[in-house]
PDB file of all heavy atoms in Angstrom:
ATOM      1  N   PRO A   1     116.004 102.288 123.356  1.00  0.00           N
ATOM      2  CA  PRO A   1     116.330 101.508 124.555  1.00  0.00           C
ATOM      3  C   PRO A   1     115.602 100.165 124.557  1.00  0.00           C
ATOM      4  O   PRO A   1     114.440 100.077 124.152  1.00  0.00           O
ATOM      5  CB  PRO A   1     115.835 102.408 125.696  1.00  0.00           C
ATOM      6  CG  PRO A   1     115.931 103.794 125.137  1.00  0.00           C
ATOM      7  CD  PRO A   1     115.569 103.658 123.681  1.00  0.00           C
ATOM      8  N   GLN A   2     116.295  99.138 125.004  1.00  0.00           N
ATOM      9  CA  GLN A   2     115.763  97.780 124.944  1.00  0.00           C
ATOM     10  C   GLN A   2     114.384  97.671 125.602  1.00  0.00           C
ATOM     11  O   GLN A   2     114.172  98.143 126.709  1.00  0.00           O
ATOM     12  CB  GLN A   2     116.725  96.808 125.624  1.00  0.00           C
ATOM     13  CG  GLN A   2     116.304  95.351 125.516  1.00  0.00           C
ATOM     14  CD  GLN A   2     117.341  94.415 126.098  1.00  0.00           C
ATOM     15  OE1 GLN A   2     118.395  94.855 126.564  1.00  0.00           O
ATOM     16  NE2 GLN A   2     117.066  93.131 126.089  1.00  0.00           N
ATOM     17  N   GLY A   3     113.451  97.066 124.874  1.00  0.00           N
ATOM     18  CA  GLY A   3     112.117  96.823 125.415  1.00  0.00           C
ATOM     19  C   GLY A   3     111.142  97.974 125.285  1.00  0.00           C
ATOM     20  O   GLY A   3     109.992  97.868 125.735  1.00  0.00           O
ATOM     21  N   THR A   4     111.553  99.066 124.640  1.00  0.00           N
ATOM     22  CA  THR A   4     110.678 100.247 124.587  1.00  0.00           C
ATOM     23  C   THR A   4     109.938 100.406 123.260  1.00  0.00           C
ATOM     24  O   THR A   4     109.072 101.278 123.135  1.00  0.00           O
ATOM     25  CB  THR A   4     111.483 101.537 124.824  1.00  0.00           C
ATOM     26  OG1 THR A   4     112.446 101.692 123.763  1.00  0.00           O
ATOM     27  CG2 THR A   4     112.183 101.518 126.161  1.00  0.00           C
ATOM     28  N   ALA A   5     110.251  99.582 122.256  1.00  0.00           N
ATOM     29  CA  ALA A   5     109.670  99.808 120.924  1.00  0.00           C
ATOM     30  C   ALA A   5     109.119  98.524 120.311  1.00  0.00           C
ATOM     31  O   ALA A   5     107.913  98.345 120.157  1.00  0.00           O
ATOM     32  CB  ALA A   5     110.721 100.439 120.005  1.00  0.00           C
ATOM     33  N   GLY A   6     110.015  97.600 119.951  1.00  0.00           N
ATOM     34  CA  GLY A   6     109.565  96.375 119.291  1.00  0.00           C
ATOM     35  C   GLY A   6     108.630  95.551 120.142  1.00  0.00           C
ATOM     36  O   GLY A   6     107.605  95.052 119.657  1.00  0.00           O
ATOM     37  N   LYS A   7     108.968  95.404 121.426  1.00  0.00           N
ATOM     38  CA  LYS A   7     108.129  94.576 122.295  1.00  0.00           C
ATOM     39  C   LYS A   7     106.735  95.167 122.501  1.00  0.00           C
ATOM     40  O   LYS A   7     105.745  94.436 122.449  1.00  0.00           O
ATOM     41  CB  LYS A   7     108.813  94.337 123.639  1.00  0.00           C
ATOM     42  CG  LYS A   7     108.134  93.256 124.465  1.00  0.00           C
ATOM     43  CD  LYS A   7     108.959  92.882 125.686  1.00  0.00           C
ATOM     44  CE  LYS A   7     108.286  91.750 126.457  1.00  0.00           C
ATOM     45  NZ  LYS A   7     109.081  91.375 127.665  1.00  0.00           N
ATOM     46  N   PRO A   8     106.581  96.476 122.738  1.00  0.00           N
ATOM     47  CA  PRO A   8     105.229  97.050 122.830  1.00  0.00           C
ATOM     48  C   PRO A   8     104.417  96.858 121.546  1.00  0.00           C
ATOM     49  O   PRO A   8     103.202  96.650 121.618  1.00  0.00           O
ATOM     50  CB  PRO A   8     105.490  98.536 123.099  1.00  0.00           C
ATOM     51  CG  PRO A   8     106.823  98.579 123.727  1.00  0.00           C
ATOM     52  CD  PRO A   8     107.612  97.467 123.101  1.00  0.00           C
ATOM     53  N   ILE A   9     105.082  96.915 120.393  1.00  0.00           N
ATOM     54  CA  ILE A   9     104.375  96.678 119.125  1.00  0.00           C
ATOM     55  C   ILE A   9     103.921  95.219 119.071  1.00  0.00           C
ATOM     56  O   ILE A   9     102.774  94.924 118.695  1.00  0.00           O
ATOM     57  CB  ILE A   9     105.283  97.006 117.924  1.00  0.00           C
ATOM     58  CG1 ILE A   9     105.687  98.483 117.940  1.00  0.00           C
ATOM     59  CG2 ILE A   9     104.564  96.675 116.615  1.00  0.00           C
ATOM     60  CD1 ILE A   9     106.776  98.833 116.933  1.00  0.00           C
ATOM     61  N   LEU A  10     104.820  94.298 119.446  1.00  0.00           N
ATOM     62  CA  LEU A  10     104.467  92.881 119.449  1.00  0.00           C
ATOM     63  C   LEU A  10     103.308  92.607 120.396  1.00  0.00           C
ATOM     64  O   LEU A  10     102.391  91.833 120.080  1.00  0.00           O
ATOM     65  CB  LEU A  10     105.678  92.050 119.857  1.00  0.00           C
ATOM     66  CG  LEU A  10     105.457  90.537 119.965  1.00  0.00           C
ATOM     67  CD1 LEU A  10     105.115  89.939 118.608  1.00  0.00           C
ATOM     68  CD2 LEU A  10     106.695  89.846 120.556  1.00  0.00           C
ATOM     69  N   GLU A  11     103.314  93.240 121.557  1.00  0.00           N
ATOM     70  CA  GLU A  11     102.256  93.014 122.539  1.00  0.00           C
ATOM     71  C   GLU A  11     100.896  93.454 122.006  1.00  0.00           C
ATOM     72  O   GLU A  11      99.868  92.844 122.330  1.00  0.00           O
ATOM     73  CB  GLU A  11     102.587  93.715 123.852  1.00  0.00           C
ATOM     74  CG  GLU A  11     103.710  93.010 124.614  1.00  0.00           C
ATOM     75  CD  GLU A  11     104.113  93.734 125.877  1.00  0.00           C
ATOM     76  OE1 GLU A  11     103.661  94.888 126.089  1.00  0.00           O
ATOM     77  OE2 GLU A  11     104.890  93.150 126.672  1.00  0.00           O
ATOM     78  N   VAL A  12     100.874  94.494 121.182  1.00  0.00           N
ATOM     79  CA  VAL A  12      99.615  94.905 120.552  1.00  0.00           C
ATOM     80  C   VAL A  12      99.089  93.794 119.662  1.00  0.00           C
ATOM     81  O   VAL A  12      97.901  93.442 119.708  1.00  0.00           O
ATOM     82  CB  VAL A  12      99.812  96.212 119.750  1.00  0.00           C
ATOM     83  CG1 VAL A  12      98.589  96.487 118.869  1.00  0.00           C
ATOM     84  CG2 VAL A  12     100.049  97.384 120.688  1.00  0.00           C
ATOM     85  N   LEU A  13      99.960  93.213 118.851  1.00  0.00           N
ATOM     86  CA  LEU A  13      99.542  92.123 117.973  1.00  0.00           C
ATOM     87  C   LEU A  13      99.035  90.924 118.773  1.00  0.00           C
ATOM     88  O   LEU A  13      97.990  90.339 118.453  1.00  0.00           O
ATOM     89  CB  LEU A  13     100.714  91.686 117.082  1.00  0.00           C
ATOM     90  CG  LEU A  13     101.121  92.655 115.970  1.00  0.00           C
ATOM     91  CD1 LEU A  13     102.464  92.243 115.384  1.00  0.00           C
ATOM     92  CD2 LEU A  13     100.058  92.719 114.891  1.00  0.00           C
ATOM     93  N   LEU A  14      99.757  90.566 119.841  1.00  0.00           N
ATOM     94  CA  LEU A  14      99.366  89.407 120.633  1.00  0.00           C
ATOM     95  C   LEU A  14      98.091  89.665 121.430  1.00  0.00           C
ATOM     96  O   LEU A  14      97.208  88.800 121.506  1.00  0.00           O
ATOM     97  CB  LEU A  14     100.512  89.013 121.583  1.00  0.00           C
ATOM     98  CG  LEU A  14     101.830  88.588 120.911  1.00  0.00           C
ATOM     99  CD1 LEU A  14     102.881  88.250 121.967  1.00  0.00           C
ATOM    100  CD2 LEU A  14     101.611  87.413 119.979  1.00  0.00           C
ATOM    101  N   ASN A  15      97.983  90.843 122.014  1.00  0.00           N
ATOM    102  CA  ASN A  15      96.798  91.162 122.814  1.00  0.00           C
ATOM    103  C   ASN A  15      95.536  91.247 121.964  1.00  0.00           C
ATOM    104  O   ASN A  15      94.436  90.900 122.439  1.00  0.00           O
ATOM    105  CB  ASN A  15      96.999  92.475 123.573  1.00  0.00           C
ATOM    106  CG  ASN A  15      98.016  92.360 124.694  1.00  0.00           C
ATOM    107  OD1 ASN A  15      98.298  91.254 125.173  1.00  0.00           O
ATOM    108  ND2 ASN A  15      98.593  93.478 125.093  1.00  0.00           N
ATOM    109  N   LYS A  16      95.677  91.689 120.723  1.00  0.00           N
ATOM    110  CA  LYS A  16      94.527  91.792 119.823  1.00  0.00           C
ATOM    111  C   LYS A  16      94.296  90.497 119.032  1.00  0.00           C
ATOM    112  O   LYS A  16      93.359  90.431 118.240  1.00  0.00           O
ATOM    113  CB  LYS A  16      94.719  92.966 118.858  1.00  0.00           C
ATOM    114  CG  LYS A  16      94.703  94.332 119.524  1.00  0.00           C
ATOM    115  CD  LYS A  16      93.363  94.610 120.198  1.00  0.00           C
ATOM    116  CE  LYS A  16      93.325  95.985 120.827  1.00  0.00           C
ATOM    117  NZ  LYS A  16      92.032  96.259 121.508  1.00  0.00           N
ATOM    118  N   ASN A  17      95.155  89.505 119.240  1.00  0.00           N
ATOM    119  CA  ASN A  17      95.013  88.202 118.583  1.00  0.00           C
ATOM    120  C   ASN A  17      95.068  88.345 117.062  1.00  0.00           C
ATOM    121  O   ASN A  17      94.325  87.700 116.326  1.00  0.00           O
ATOM    122  CB  ASN A  17      93.704  87.515 119.006  1.00  0.00           C
ATOM    123  CG  ASN A  17      93.682  86.033 118.669  1.00  0.00           C
ATOM    124  OD1 ASN A  17      94.728  85.403 118.499  1.00  0.00           O
ATOM    125  ND2 ASN A  17      92.490  85.470 118.549  1.00  0.00           N
ATOM    126  N   VAL A  18      95.962  89.223 116.603  1.00  0.00           N
ATOM    127  CA  VAL A  18      96.138  89.452 115.168  1.00  0.00           C
ATOM    128  C   VAL A  18      97.343  88.654 114.686  1.00  0.00           C
ATOM    129  O   VAL A  18      98.439  88.755 115.256  1.00  0.00           O
ATOM    130  CB  VAL A  18      96.341  90.952 114.865  1.00  0.00           C
ATOM    131  CG1 VAL A  18      96.592  91.168 113.379  1.00  0.00           C
ATOM    132  CG2 VAL A  18      95.122  91.745 115.311  1.00  0.00           C
ATOM    133  N   HIS A  19      97.164  87.870 113.632  1.00  0.00           N
ATOM    134  CA  HIS A  19      98.202  86.998 113.108  1.00  0.00           C
ATOM    135  C   HIS A  19      98.610  87.455 111.700  1.00  0.00           C
ATOM    136  O   HIS A  19      97.964  88.290 111.090  1.00  0.00           O
ATOM    137  CB  HIS A  19      97.698  85.556 113.036  1.00  0.00           C
ATOM    138  CG  HIS A  19      97.356  84.972 114.376  1.00  0.00           C
ATOM    139  ND1 HIS A  19      97.695  83.686 114.738  1.00  0.00           N
ATOM    140  CD2 HIS A  19      96.701  85.486 115.452  1.00  0.00           C
ATOM    141  CE1 HIS A  19      97.264  83.434 115.963  1.00  0.00           C
ATOM    142  NE2 HIS A  19      96.651  84.515 116.407  1.00  0.00           N
ATOM    143  N   ASN A  20      99.706  86.862 111.194  1.00  0.00           N
ATOM    144  CA  ASN A  20     100.170  87.111 109.819  1.00  0.00           C
ATOM    145  C   ASN A  20     100.224  88.604 109.499  1.00  0.00           C
ATOM    146  O   ASN A  20      99.734  89.055 108.464  1.00  0.00           O
ATOM    147  CB  ASN A  20      99.266  86.394 108.817  1.00  0.00           C
ATOM    148  CG  ASN A  20      99.387  84.879 108.929  1.00  0.00           C
ATOM    149  OD1 ASN A  20     100.183  84.369 109.703  1.00  0.00           O
ATOM    150  ND2 ASN A  20      98.591  84.168 108.162  1.00  0.00           N
ATOM    151  N   THR A  21     100.841  89.337 110.394  1.00  0.00           N
ATOM    152  CA  THR A  21     100.854  90.803 110.265  1.00  0.00           C
ATOM    153  C   THR A  21     102.187  91.382 110.715  1.00  0.00           C
ATOM    154  O   THR A  21     102.767  90.945 111.706  1.00  0.00           O
ATOM    155  CB  THR A  21      99.720  91.430 111.106  1.00  0.00           C
ATOM    156  OG1 THR A  21      98.461  90.964 110.629  1.00  0.00           O
ATOM    157  CG2 THR A  21      99.749  92.948 111.038  1.00  0.00           C
ATOM    158  N   LEU A  22     102.658  92.367 109.970  1.00  0.00           N
ATOM    159  CA  LEU A  22     103.836  93.159 110.316  1.00  0.00           C
ATOM    160  C   LEU A  22     103.395  94.570 110.681  1.00  0.00           C
ATOM    161  O   LEU A  22     102.577  95.169 109.974  1.00  0.00           O
ATOM    162  CB  LEU A  22     104.793  93.214 109.119  1.00  0.00           C
ATOM    163  CG  LEU A  22     105.838  94.346 109.102  1.00  0.00           C
ATOM    164  CD1 LEU A  22     106.891  94.124 110.175  1.00  0.00           C
ATOM    165  CD2 LEU A  22     106.485  94.450 107.719  1.00  0.00           C
ATOM    166  N   ILE A  23     103.922  95.079 111.786  1.00  0.00           N
ATOM    167  CA  ILE A  23     103.754  96.500 112.111  1.00  0.00           C
ATOM    168  C   ILE A  23     105.148  97.107 112.265  1.00  0.00           C
ATOM    169  O   ILE A  23     105.927  96.683 113.126  1.00  0.00           O
ATOM    170  CB  ILE A  23     102.948  96.734 113.399  1.00  0.00           C
ATOM    171  CG1 ILE A  23     101.562  96.107 113.305  1.00  0.00           C
ATOM    172  CG2 ILE A  23     102.826  98.242 113.667  1.00  0.00           C
ATOM    173  CD1 ILE A  23     100.709  96.298 114.555  1.00  0.00           C
ATOM    174  N   LEU A  24     105.453  98.068 111.425  1.00  0.00           N
ATOM    175  CA  LEU A  24     106.692  98.825 111.540  1.00  0.00           C
ATOM    176  C   LEU A  24     106.345 100.262 111.881  1.00  0.00           C
ATOM    177  O   LEU A  24     105.492 100.871 111.220  1.00  0.00           O
ATOM    178  CB  LEU A  24     107.492  98.756 110.238  1.00  0.00           C
ATOM    179  CG  LEU A  24     108.871  99.449 110.267  1.00  0.00           C
ATOM    180  CD1 LEU A  24     109.884  98.681 109.413  1.00  0.00           C
ATOM    181  CD2 LEU A  24     108.777 100.894 109.761  1.00  0.00           C
ATOM    182  N   VAL A  25     106.978 100.780 112.928  1.00  0.00           N
ATOM    183  CA  VAL A  25     106.727 102.163 113.353  1.00  0.00           C
ATOM    184  C   VAL A  25     107.980 102.993 113.106  1.00  0.00           C
ATOM    185  O   VAL A  25     109.052 102.720 113.665  1.00  0.00           O
ATOM    186  CB  VAL A  25     106.323 102.241 114.840  1.00  0.00           C
ATOM    187  CG1 VAL A  25     106.108 103.703 115.245  1.00  0.00           C
ATOM    188  CG2 VAL A  25     105.050 101.434 115.098  1.00  0.00           C
ATOM    189  N   THR A  26     107.827 103.981 112.250  1.00  0.00           N
ATOM    190  CA  THR A  26     108.908 104.904 111.909  1.00  0.00           C
ATOM    191  C   THR A  26     108.870 106.092 112.863  1.00  0.00           C
ATOM    192  O   THR A  26     107.818 106.716 113.046  1.00  0.00           O
ATOM    193  CB  THR A  26     108.744 105.407 110.468  1.00  0.00           C
ATOM    194  OG1 THR A  26     108.823 104.296 109.568  1.00  0.00           O
ATOM    195  CG2 THR A  26     109.804 106.429 110.116  1.00  0.00           C
ATOM    196  N   ARG A  27     110.013 106.411 113.490  1.00  0.00           N
ATOM    197  CA  ARG A  27     110.066 107.559 114.399  1.00  0.00           C
ATOM    198  C   ARG A  27     110.966 108.652 113.842  1.00  0.00           C
ATOM    199  O   ARG A  27     112.138 108.414 113.534  1.00  0.00           O
ATOM    200  CB  ARG A  27     110.583 107.156 115.774  1.00  0.00           C
ATOM    201  CG  ARG A  27     110.609 108.352 116.742  1.00  0.00           C
ATOM    202  CD  ARG A  27     111.333 108.046 118.031  1.00  0.00           C
ATOM    203  NE  ARG A  27     111.301 109.194 118.936  1.00  0.00           N
ATOM    204  CZ  ARG A  27     111.978 109.273 120.079  1.00  0.00           C
ATOM    205  NH1 ARG A  27     112.747 108.262 120.450  1.00  0.00           N
ATOM    206  NH2 ARG A  27     111.896 110.352 120.834  1.00  0.00           N
ATOM    207  N   TYR A  28     110.393 109.837 113.727  1.00  0.00           N
ATOM    208  CA  TYR A  28     111.155 111.041 113.450  1.00  0.00           C
ATOM    209  C   TYR A  28     111.318 111.792 114.767  1.00  0.00           C
ATOM    210  O   TYR A  28     110.337 112.250 115.355  1.00  0.00           O
ATOM    211  CB  TYR A  28     110.440 111.905 112.414  1.00  0.00           C
ATOM    212  CG  TYR A  28     110.539 111.358 111.004  1.00  0.00           C
ATOM    213  CD1 TYR A  28     109.528 110.576 110.466  1.00  0.00           C
ATOM    214  CD2 TYR A  28     111.657 111.616 110.221  1.00  0.00           C
ATOM    215  CE1 TYR A  28     109.624 110.061 109.178  1.00  0.00           C
ATOM    216  CE2 TYR A  28     111.768 111.122 108.932  1.00  0.00           C
ATOM    217  CZ  TYR A  28     110.741 110.347 108.418  1.00  0.00           C
ATOM    218  OH  TYR A  28     110.850 109.832 107.150  1.00  0.00           O
ATOM    219  N   PHE A  29     112.555 111.904 115.223  1.00  0.00           N
ATOM    220  CA  PHE A  29     112.848 112.469 116.544  1.00  0.00           C
ATOM    221  C   PHE A  29     112.527 113.959 116.593  1.00  0.00           C
ATOM    222  O   PHE A  29     112.897 114.721 115.704  1.00  0.00           O
ATOM    223  CB  PHE A  29     114.328 112.243 116.875  1.00  0.00           C
ATOM    224  CG  PHE A  29     114.735 112.684 118.239  1.00  0.00           C
ATOM    225  CD1 PHE A  29     114.077 112.197 119.367  1.00  0.00           C
ATOM    226  CD2 PHE A  29     115.785 113.568 118.408  1.00  0.00           C
ATOM    227  CE1 PHE A  29     114.473 112.584 120.642  1.00  0.00           C
ATOM    228  CE2 PHE A  29     116.185 113.960 119.680  1.00  0.00           C
ATOM    229  CZ  PHE A  29     115.532 113.473 120.794  1.00  0.00           C
ATOM    230  N   GLY A  30     111.831 114.344 117.674  1.00  0.00           N
ATOM    231  CA  GLY A  30     111.400 115.735 117.794  1.00  0.00           C
ATOM    232  C   GLY A  30     112.279 116.598 118.669  1.00  0.00           C
ATOM    233  O   GLY A  30     111.982 117.773 118.902  1.00  0.00           O
TER     234      GLY A  30
END
């Protein structure tokens, strides 16, 4: 659902002031 995955990951990078970094989160549905 829009805004539930990519944006929270981006906010972690911005809030921690981390640059030049990719975070990809793989989800296996339970």
